[in-house]
PDB file of N, CA and C in Angstrom:
ATOM      1  N   UNK A   1     -19.879  39.565  15.029  1.00  0.00           N
ATOM      2  CA  UNK A   1     -18.415  38.961  16.479  1.00  0.00           C
ATOM      3  C   UNK A   1     -17.841  40.274  17.266  1.00  0.00           C
ATOM      4  N   UNK A   2     -17.880  39.790  17.987  1.00  0.00           N
ATOM      5  CA  UNK A   2     -17.575  41.176  18.970  1.00  0.00           C
ATOM      6  C   UNK A   2     -16.410  41.121  19.388  1.00  0.00           C
ATOM      7  N   UNK A   3     -15.572  41.840  18.286  1.00  0.00           N
ATOM      8  CA  UNK A   3     -13.716  41.535  18.362  1.00  0.00           C
ATOM      9  C   UNK A   3     -13.409  42.432  20.169  1.00  0.00           C
ATOM     10  N   UNK A   4     -14.672  43.201  20.402  1.00  0.00           N
ATOM     11  CA  UNK A   4     -13.732  44.208  21.585  1.00  0.00           C
ATOM     12  C   UNK A   4     -14.094  43.405  22.977  1.00  0.00           C
ATOM     13  N   UNK A   5     -14.480  42.294  23.068  1.00  0.00           N
ATOM     14  CA  UNK A   5     -15.141  41.456  24.257  1.00  0.00           C
ATOM     15  C   UNK A   5     -13.914  40.897  25.429  1.00  0.00           C
ATOM     16  N   UNK A   6     -14.607  40.985  26.194  1.00  0.00           N
ATOM     17  CA  UNK A   6     -13.516  41.087  27.025  1.00  0.00           C
ATOM     18  C   UNK A   6     -13.623  39.227  27.593  1.00  0.00           C
ATOM     19  N   UNK A   7     -12.086  38.969  27.648  1.00  0.00           N
ATOM     20  CA  UNK A   7     -11.991  37.057  27.932  1.00  0.00           C
ATOM     21  C   UNK A   7     -12.919  37.115  29.040  1.00  0.00           C
ATOM     22  N   UNK A   8     -14.044  36.115  29.463  1.00  0.00           N
ATOM     23  CA  UNK A   8     -14.681  35.861  30.901  1.00  0.00           C
ATOM     24  C   UNK A   8     -13.417  35.392  32.033  1.00  0.00           C
ATOM     25  N   UNK A   9     -14.105  35.903  33.083  1.00  0.00           N
ATOM     26  CA  UNK A   9     -13.186  35.672  34.219  1.00  0.00           C
ATOM     27  C   UNK A   9     -12.761  34.192  34.066  1.00  0.00           C
ATOM     28  N   UNK A  10     -11.358  34.140  34.980  1.00  0.00           N
ATOM     29  CA  UNK A  10     -10.608  32.878  34.896  1.00  0.00           C
ATOM     30  C   UNK A  10     -11.742  31.625  35.808  1.00  0.00           C
ATOM     31  N   UNK A  11     -12.622  31.637  36.572  1.00  0.00           N
ATOM     32  CA  UNK A  11     -13.285  30.704  37.240  1.00  0.00           C
ATOM     33  C   UNK A  11     -14.675  30.443  36.538  1.00  0.00           C
ATOM     34  N   UNK A  12     -14.526  31.144  35.088  1.00  0.00           N
ATOM     35  CA  UNK A  12     -16.124  30.595  34.448  1.00  0.00           C
ATOM     36  C   UNK A  12     -16.368  29.352  33.482  1.00  0.00           C
ATOM     37  N   UNK A  13     -17.363  28.797  33.674  1.00  0.00           N
ATOM     38  CA  UNK A  13     -17.235  27.161  33.135  1.00  0.00           C
ATOM     39  C   UNK A  13     -16.961  27.240  31.753  1.00  0.00           C
ATOM     40  N   UNK A  14     -17.266  25.877  31.104  1.00  0.00           N
ATOM     41  CA  UNK A  14     -15.919  25.697  29.768  1.00  0.00           C
ATOM     42  C   UNK A  14     -17.342  26.395  29.529  1.00  0.00           C
ATOM     43  N   UNK A  15     -18.972  26.201  29.186  1.00  0.00           N
ATOM     44  CA  UNK A  15     -19.455  26.771  28.292  1.00  0.00           C
ATOM     45  C   UNK A  15     -19.092  28.573  27.925  1.00  0.00           C
ATOM     46  N   UNK A  16     -18.989  28.868  29.172  1.00  0.00           N
ATOM     47  CA  UNK A  16     -18.876  30.404  28.658  1.00  0.00           C
ATOM     48  C   UNK A  16     -17.457  30.531  28.543  1.00  0.00           C
ATOM     49  N   UNK A  17     -16.563  29.843  27.927  1.00  0.00           N
ATOM     50  CA  UNK A  17     -15.355  30.000  27.089  1.00  0.00           C
ATOM     51  C   UNK A  17     -15.278  29.653  26.205  1.00  0.00           C
ATOM     52  N   UNK A  18     -16.006  28.236  25.627  1.00  0.00           N
ATOM     53  CA  UNK A  18     -16.097  28.036  24.245  1.00  0.00           C
ATOM     54  C   UNK A  18     -17.691  29.432  23.355  1.00  0.00           C
ATOM     55  N   UNK A  19     -18.097  30.357  24.338  1.00  0.00           N
ATOM     56  CA  UNK A  19     -19.185  30.530  23.424  1.00  0.00           C
ATOM     57  C   UNK A  19     -17.960  32.001  23.653  1.00  0.00           C
ATOM     58  N   UNK A  20     -17.126  32.455  24.141  1.00  0.00           N
ATOM     59  CA  UNK A  20     -16.341  33.244  23.994  1.00  0.00           C
ATOM     60  C   UNK A  20     -15.246  33.069  22.969  1.00  0.00           C
ATOM     61  N   UNK A  21     -14.959  31.873  22.830  1.00  0.00           N
ATOM     62  CA  UNK A  21     -14.103  31.402  21.991  1.00  0.00           C
ATOM     63  C   UNK A  21     -14.370  31.229  20.919  1.00  0.00           C
ATOM     64  N   UNK A  22     -15.903  31.235  20.016  1.00  0.00           N
ATOM     65  CA  UNK A  22     -16.329  31.171  18.710  1.00  0.00           C
ATOM     66  C   UNK A  22     -16.260  32.609  18.491  1.00  0.00           C
ATOM     67  N   UNK A  23     -16.677  33.597  19.664  1.00  0.00           N
ATOM     68  CA  UNK A  23     -17.114  34.984  19.171  1.00  0.00           C
ATOM     69  C   UNK A  23     -15.879  35.806  18.602  1.00  0.00           C
ATOM     70  N   UNK A  24     -14.636  35.042  18.821  1.00  0.00           N
ATOM     71  CA  UNK A  24     -13.613  35.589  18.049  1.00  0.00           C
ATOM     72  C   UNK A  24     -13.453  35.032  16.993  1.00  0.00           C
ATOM     73  N   UNK A  25     -12.742  35.810  15.722  1.00  0.00           N
ATOM     74  CA  UNK A  25     -12.285  35.854  14.483  1.00  0.00           C
ATOM     75  C   UNK A  25     -11.755  33.682  14.262  1.00  0.00           C
ATOM     76  N   UNK A  26     -10.592  34.488  14.851  1.00  0.00           N
ATOM     77  CA  UNK A  26      -9.663  32.900  15.088  1.00  0.00           C
ATOM     78  C   UNK A  26     -10.781  30.908  15.389  1.00  0.00           C
ATOM     79  N   UNK A  27     -11.632  31.364  16.543  1.00  0.00           N
ATOM     80  CA  UNK A  27     -12.592  30.773  16.688  1.00  0.00           C
ATOM     81  C   UNK A  27     -13.090  30.243  15.872  1.00  0.00           C
ATOM     82  N   UNK A  28     -13.917  30.879  15.440  1.00  0.00           N
ATOM     83  CA  UNK A  28     -14.700  31.008  14.255  1.00  0.00           C
ATOM     84  C   UNK A  28     -14.184  30.393  13.472  1.00  0.00           C
ATOM     85  N   UNK A  29     -13.148  30.824  12.555  1.00  0.00           N
ATOM     86  CA  UNK A  29     -12.440  29.856  11.405  1.00  0.00           C
ATOM     87  C   UNK A  29     -12.161  28.606  11.738  1.00  0.00           C
ATOM     88  N   UNK A  30     -11.883  28.696  13.052  1.00  0.00           N
ATOM     89  CA  UNK A  30     -11.385  26.868  13.931  1.00  0.00           C
ATOM     90  C   UNK A  30     -12.615  25.799  13.796  1.00  0.00           C
ATOM     91  N   UNK A  31     -13.207  26.627  13.820  1.00  0.00           N
ATOM     92  CA  UNK A  31     -15.003  26.188  14.233  1.00  0.00           C
ATOM     93  C   UNK A  31     -15.394  25.506  12.222  1.00  0.00           C
ATOM     94  N   UNK A  32     -15.346  26.826  12.059  1.00  0.00           N
ATOM     95  CA  UNK A  32     -15.621  25.921  10.492  1.00  0.00           C
ATOM     96  C   UNK A  32     -14.845  25.305   9.635  1.00  0.00           C
ATOM     97  N   UNK A  33     -13.623  25.018  10.284  1.00  0.00           N
ATOM     98  CA  UNK A  33     -12.652  24.313   9.656  1.00  0.00           C
ATOM     99  C   UNK A  33     -13.027  22.757  10.060  1.00  0.00           C
ATOM    100  N   UNK A  34     -13.634  22.234  10.992  1.00  0.00           N
ATOM    101  CA  UNK A  34     -14.317  21.260  12.224  1.00  0.00           C
ATOM    102  C   UNK A  34     -15.219  20.677  11.020  1.00  0.00           C
ATOM    103  N   UNK A  35     -16.196  21.237  10.172  1.00  0.00           N
ATOM    104  CA  UNK A  35     -17.432  20.480   9.603  1.00  0.00           C
ATOM    105  C   UNK A  35     -16.491  20.050   7.997  1.00  0.00           C
ATOM    106  N   UNK A  36     -15.394  20.144   7.654  1.00  0.00           N
ATOM    107  CA  UNK A  36     -14.420  19.403   6.701  1.00  0.00           C
ATOM    108  C   UNK A  36     -13.894  18.626   7.164  1.00  0.00           C
ATOM    109  N   UNK A  37     -13.379  18.422   8.533  1.00  0.00           N
ATOM    110  CA  UNK A  37     -12.483  17.741   8.787  1.00  0.00           C
ATOM    111  C   UNK A  37     -13.229  16.368   9.877  1.00  0.00           C
ATOM    112  N   UNK A  38     -13.687  16.582  11.038  1.00  0.00           N
ATOM    113  CA  UNK A  38     -14.190  16.022  12.097  1.00  0.00           C
ATOM    114  C   UNK A  38     -15.535  15.729  12.046  1.00  0.00           C
ATOM    115  N   UNK A  39     -16.341  16.117  11.577  1.00  0.00           N
ATOM    116  CA  UNK A  39     -17.785  15.907  11.199  1.00  0.00           C
ATOM    117  C   UNK A  39     -18.165  14.570  10.301  1.00  0.00           C
ATOM    118  N   UNK A  40     -17.343  15.092   8.660  1.00  0.00           N
ATOM    119  CA  UNK A  40     -17.567  13.495   7.800  1.00  0.00           C
ATOM    120  C   UNK A  40     -17.080  12.023   8.962  1.00  0.00           C
ATOM    121  N   UNK A  41     -15.642  12.042   9.686  1.00  0.00           N
ATOM    122  CA  UNK A  41     -15.799  10.902  10.330  1.00  0.00           C
ATOM    123  C   UNK A  41     -16.885  10.340  11.263  1.00  0.00           C
ATOM    124  N   UNK A  42     -17.671  11.619  12.482  1.00  0.00           N
ATOM    125  CA  UNK A  42     -18.195  11.164  13.187  1.00  0.00           C
ATOM    126  C   UNK A  42     -19.676  10.481  12.422  1.00  0.00           C
ATOM    127  N   UNK A  43     -20.013  11.012  11.283  1.00  0.00           N
ATOM    128  CA  UNK A  43     -20.954  10.686  10.513  1.00  0.00           C
ATOM    129  C   UNK A  43     -20.686   9.641   9.729  1.00  0.00           C
ATOM    130  N   UNK A  44     -19.738   9.175   9.443  1.00  0.00           N
ATOM    131  CA  UNK A  44     -19.486   7.785   9.171  1.00  0.00           C
ATOM    132  C   UNK A  44     -19.470   6.504  10.238  1.00  0.00           C
ATOM    133  N   UNK A  45     -19.055   7.218  11.357  1.00  0.00           N
ATOM    134  CA  UNK A  45     -19.173   6.466  11.886  1.00  0.00           C
ATOM    135  C   UNK A  45     -20.501   5.871  12.761  1.00  0.00           C
ATOM    136  N   UNK A  46     -21.457   7.256  12.501  1.00  0.00           N
ATOM    137  CA  UNK A  46     -23.048   6.936  13.417  1.00  0.00           C
ATOM    138  C   UNK A  46     -23.556   6.489  11.786  1.00  0.00           C
ATOM    139  N   UNK A  47     -23.709   6.612  10.861  1.00  0.00           N
ATOM    140  CA  UNK A  47     -24.032   5.891  10.000  1.00  0.00           C
ATOM    141  C   UNK A  47     -23.767   4.282   9.874  1.00  0.00           C
ATOM    142  N   UNK A  48     -22.195   3.970   9.569  1.00  0.00           N
ATOM    143  CA  UNK A  48     -22.214   2.560   9.621  1.00  0.00           C
ATOM    144  C   UNK A  48     -22.457   1.547  10.344  1.00  0.00           C
ATOM    145  N   UNK A  49     -22.503   2.036  11.784  1.00  0.00           N
ATOM    146  CA  UNK A  49     -21.918   1.344  13.058  1.00  0.00           C
ATOM    147  C   UNK A  49     -23.272   1.501  14.096  1.00  0.00           C
ATOM    148  N   UNK A  50     -24.436   2.369  12.992  1.00  0.00           N
ATOM    149  CA  UNK A  50     -25.070   2.387  13.983  1.00  0.00           C
ATOM    150  C   UNK A  50     -25.066   2.949  15.324  1.00  0.00           C
ATOM    151  N   UNK A  51     -24.364   3.414  15.366  1.00  0.00           N
ATOM    152  CA  UNK A  51     -23.908   4.283  16.817  1.00  0.00           C
ATOM    153  C   UNK A  51     -25.155   5.639  16.827  1.00  0.00           C
ATOM    154  N   UNK A  52     -26.163   5.019  17.524  1.00  0.00           N
ATOM    155  CA  UNK A  52     -27.331   6.330  17.443  1.00  0.00           C
ATOM    156  C   UNK A  52     -27.093   6.979  19.085  1.00  0.00           C
ATOM    157  N   UNK A  53     -26.517   5.779  19.695  1.00  0.00           N
ATOM    158  CA  UNK A  53     -26.766   6.264  21.510  1.00  0.00           C
ATOM    159  C   UNK A  53     -25.854   6.050  22.331  1.00  0.00           C
ATOM    160  N   UNK A  54     -25.184   5.757  23.507  1.00  0.00           N
ATOM    161  CA  UNK A  54     -24.557   5.284  24.278  1.00  0.00           C
ATOM    162  C   UNK A  54     -25.128   4.217  24.777  1.00  0.00           C
ATOM    163  N   UNK A  55     -24.715   3.048  24.953  1.00  0.00           N
ATOM    164  CA  UNK A  55     -25.912   2.481  26.045  1.00  0.00           C
ATOM    165  C   UNK A  55     -25.176   2.092  26.514  1.00  0.00           C
ATOM    166  N   UNK A  56     -23.789   2.969  27.279  1.00  0.00           N
ATOM    167  CA  UNK A  56     -23.788   2.918  28.992  1.00  0.00           C
ATOM    168  C   UNK A  56     -23.958   3.956  29.704  1.00  0.00           C
ATOM    169  N   UNK A  57     -23.381   3.966  30.853  1.00  0.00           N
ATOM    170  CA  UNK A  57     -23.469   5.703  31.333  1.00  0.00           C
ATOM    171  C   UNK A  57     -22.048   6.218  31.892  1.00  0.00           C
ATOM    172  N   UNK A  58     -21.699   7.194  31.939  1.00  0.00           N
ATOM    173  CA  UNK A  58     -20.244   7.531  32.188  1.00  0.00           C
ATOM    174  C   UNK A  58     -19.469   7.823  31.273  1.00  0.00           C
ATOM    175  N   UNK A  59     -18.733   8.687  31.279  1.00  0.00           N
ATOM    176  CA  UNK A  59     -17.844   9.088  30.252  1.00  0.00           C
ATOM    177  C   UNK A  59     -16.614   8.242  30.389  1.00  0.00           C
ATOM    178  N   UNK A  60     -15.706   7.580  30.967  1.00  0.00           N
ATOM    179  CA  UNK A  60     -15.331   6.287  30.522  1.00  0.00           C
ATOM    180  C   UNK A  60     -15.763   5.430  30.002  1.00  0.00           C
ATOM    181  N   UNK A  61     -16.500   4.422  30.221  1.00  0.00           N
ATOM    182  CA  UNK A  61     -17.686   3.872  29.668  1.00  0.00           C
ATOM    183  C   UNK A  61     -18.347   3.730  28.125  1.00  0.00           C
ATOM    184  N   UNK A  62     -18.507   5.619  28.148  1.00  0.00           N
ATOM    185  CA  UNK A  62     -19.395   6.155  27.165  1.00  0.00           C
ATOM    186  C   UNK A  62     -17.635   5.840  25.880  1.00  0.00           C
ATOM    187  N   UNK A  63     -16.478   6.055  26.099  1.00  0.00           N
ATOM    188  CA  UNK A  63     -15.103   6.486  25.380  1.00  0.00           C
ATOM    189  C   UNK A  63     -15.007   5.149  24.910  1.00  0.00           C
ATOM    190  N   UNK A  64     -14.613   4.272  25.617  1.00  0.00           N
ATOM    191  CA  UNK A  64     -14.994   3.079  25.224  1.00  0.00           C
ATOM    192  C   UNK A  64     -15.474   2.516  24.336  1.00  0.00           C
ATOM    193  N   UNK A  65     -17.021   2.721  24.600  1.00  0.00           N
ATOM    194  CA  UNK A  65     -17.856   2.422  23.312  1.00  0.00           C
ATOM    195  C   UNK A  65     -17.428   2.771  22.024  1.00  0.00           C
ATOM    196  N   UNK A  66     -17.386   4.237  22.352  1.00  0.00           N
ATOM    197  CA  UNK A  66     -16.705   5.126  20.834  1.00  0.00           C
ATOM    198  C   UNK A  66     -15.564   4.795  20.136  1.00  0.00           C
ATOM    199  N   UNK A  67     -14.143   4.047  21.188  1.00  0.00           N
ATOM    200  CA  UNK A  67     -13.592   3.219  20.707  1.00  0.00           C
ATOM    201  C   UNK A  67     -13.898   2.124  19.730  1.00  0.00           C
ATOM    202  N   UNK A  68     -14.166   1.424  20.567  1.00  0.00           N
ATOM    203  CA  UNK A  68     -14.263  -0.114  19.963  1.00  0.00           C
ATOM    204  C   UNK A  68     -15.463   0.191  18.543  1.00  0.00           C
ATOM    205  N   UNK A  69     -16.494   1.108  18.442  1.00  0.00           N
ATOM    206  CA  UNK A  69     -16.988   1.287  17.467  1.00  0.00           C
ATOM    207  C   UNK A  69     -16.118   1.900  16.137  1.00  0.00           C
ATOM    208  N   UNK A  70     -15.452   2.761  16.734  1.00  0.00           N
ATOM    209  CA  UNK A  70     -14.177   2.853  15.757  1.00  0.00           C
ATOM    210  C   UNK A  70     -13.410   1.924  15.333  1.00  0.00           C
ATOM    211  N   UNK A  71     -13.183   0.998  16.423  1.00  0.00           N
ATOM    212  CA  UNK A  71     -12.172   0.020  15.912  1.00  0.00           C
ATOM    213  C   UNK A  71     -12.922  -1.067  14.708  1.00  0.00           C
ATOM    214  N   UNK A  72     -14.130  -1.466  14.990  1.00  0.00           N
ATOM    215  CA  UNK A  72     -15.095  -1.557  14.429  1.00  0.00           C
ATOM    216  C   UNK A  72     -15.236  -1.738  12.868  1.00  0.00           C
ATOM    217  N   UNK A  73     -15.427  -0.146  12.810  1.00  0.00           N
ATOM    218  CA  UNK A  73     -15.383   0.847  11.012  1.00  0.00           C
ATOM    219  C   UNK A  73     -13.688   0.404  10.690  1.00  0.00           C
ATOM    220  N   UNK A  74     -13.061   0.902  11.169  1.00  0.00           N
ATOM    221  CA  UNK A  74     -11.441   0.483  10.696  1.00  0.00           C
ATOM    222  C   UNK A  74     -11.316  -0.645  10.251  1.00  0.00           C
ATOM    223  N   UNK A  75     -11.862  -1.564  10.904  1.00  0.00           N
ATOM    224  CA  UNK A  75     -11.663  -3.241  10.849  1.00  0.00           C
ATOM    225  C   UNK A  75     -11.890  -3.811   9.460  1.00  0.00           C
ATOM    226  N   UNK A  76     -13.373  -2.855   9.901  1.00  0.00           N
ATOM    227  CA  UNK A  76     -14.408  -3.541   8.315  1.00  0.00           C
ATOM    228  C   UNK A  76     -13.876  -2.599   7.092  1.00  0.00           C
ATOM    229  N   UNK A  77     -13.236  -1.347   6.955  1.00  0.00           N
ATOM    230  CA  UNK A  77     -12.665  -0.908   6.031  1.00  0.00           C
ATOM    231  C   UNK A  77     -11.439  -1.748   5.671  1.00  0.00           C
ATOM    232  N   UNK A  78     -10.364  -2.194   6.419  1.00  0.00           N
ATOM    233  CA  UNK A  78      -9.129  -2.877   6.137  1.00  0.00           C
ATOM    234  C   UNK A  78      -9.508  -3.869   5.609  1.00  0.00           C
ATOM    235  N   UNK A  79     -10.777  -4.606   5.692  1.00  0.00           N
ATOM    236  CA  UNK A  79     -10.882  -5.795   5.388  1.00  0.00           C
ATOM    237  C   UNK A  79     -11.591  -5.866   3.822  1.00  0.00           C
ATOM    238  N   UNK A  80     -11.776  -5.142   3.466  1.00  0.00           N
ATOM    239  CA  UNK A  80     -12.355  -3.893   2.006  1.00  0.00           C
ATOM    240  C   UNK A  80     -11.164  -4.319   1.299  1.00  0.00           C
ATOM    241  N   UNK A  81      -9.709  -3.654   2.092  1.00  0.00           N
ATOM    242  CA  UNK A  81      -9.137  -3.000   0.851  1.00  0.00           C
ATOM    243  C   UNK A  81      -8.624  -4.480   0.412  1.00  0.00           C
ATOM    244  N   UNK A  82      -7.908  -4.229  -1.065  1.00  0.00           N
ATOM    245  CA  UNK A  82      -7.123  -4.707  -2.169  1.00  0.00           C
ATOM    246  C   UNK A  82      -6.200  -5.547  -0.612  1.00  0.00           C
ATOM    247  N   UNK A  83      -6.202  -7.029  -1.078  1.00  0.00           N
ATOM    248  CA  UNK A  83      -4.962  -8.208  -0.040  1.00  0.00           C
ATOM    249  C   UNK A  83      -3.955  -7.339  -0.692  1.00  0.00           C
ATOM    250  N   UNK A  84      -3.357  -6.752  -1.969  1.00  0.00           N
ATOM    251  CA  UNK A  84      -2.219  -6.365  -1.756  1.00  0.00           C
ATOM    252  C   UNK A  84      -1.889  -5.283  -1.186  1.00  0.00           C
ATOM    253  N   UNK A  85      -2.666  -4.517  -0.954  1.00  0.00           N
ATOM    254  CA  UNK A  85      -2.894  -2.922  -0.414  1.00  0.00           C
ATOM    255  C   UNK A  85      -2.778  -3.273   1.297  1.00  0.00           C
ATOM    256  N   UNK A  86      -3.419  -4.304   1.481  1.00  0.00           N
ATOM    257  CA  UNK A  86      -3.548  -4.791   3.131  1.00  0.00           C
ATOM    258  C   UNK A  86      -2.359  -5.041   3.203  1.00  0.00           C
ATOM    259  N   UNK A  87      -1.395  -6.174   2.141  1.00  0.00           N
ATOM    260  CA  UNK A  87      -0.100  -7.069   2.881  1.00  0.00           C
ATOM    261  C   UNK A  87       0.719  -5.867   3.442  1.00  0.00           C
ATOM    262  N   UNK A  88       0.558  -4.697   2.205  1.00  0.00           N
ATOM    263  CA  UNK A  88       1.762  -3.679   1.900  1.00  0.00           C
ATOM    264  C   UNK A  88       1.092  -2.998   3.365  1.00  0.00           C
ATOM    265  N   UNK A  89       0.138  -2.557   4.025  1.00  0.00           N
ATOM    266  CA  UNK A  89      -0.452  -1.704   4.933  1.00  0.00           C
ATOM    267  C   UNK A  89       0.499  -2.595   6.363  1.00  0.00           C
ATOM    268  N   UNK A  90       0.184  -3.691   6.127  1.00  0.00           N
ATOM    269  CA  UNK A  90       0.719  -4.774   7.497  1.00  0.00           C
ATOM    270  C   UNK A  90       2.277  -4.382   7.755  1.00  0.00           C
ATOM    271  N   UNK A  91       2.908  -4.560   6.314  1.00  0.00           N
ATOM    272  CA  UNK A  91       4.653  -4.635   6.218  1.00  0.00           C
ATOM    273  C   UNK A  91       5.221  -3.268   6.854  1.00  0.00           C
ATOM    274  N   UNK A  92       4.201  -2.324   6.985  1.00  0.00           N
ATOM    275  CA  UNK A  92       4.725  -1.094   7.199  1.00  0.00           C
ATOM    276  C   UNK A  92       4.810  -0.756   8.489  1.00  0.00           C
TER     277      UNK A  92
END
């Protein structure tokens, strides 16, 4: 890590900013935490809903498809819950 690196210019693209952020100690630590927090969720989503690639084009369409897949995954988990836990979750 280059602790003395200057930040990129204000008009730099997102990839350049991300490279700079990851080169910092704080950015590197934040990215390492991602492996334990975000990636398992993405892995479950891909594995359990077979979401390997998006069927539609465009950011809005892909976002809608991802949200639908997440909803399906959560509903499937909810339906597998013990009926007493399900009732308590609905009452809350």
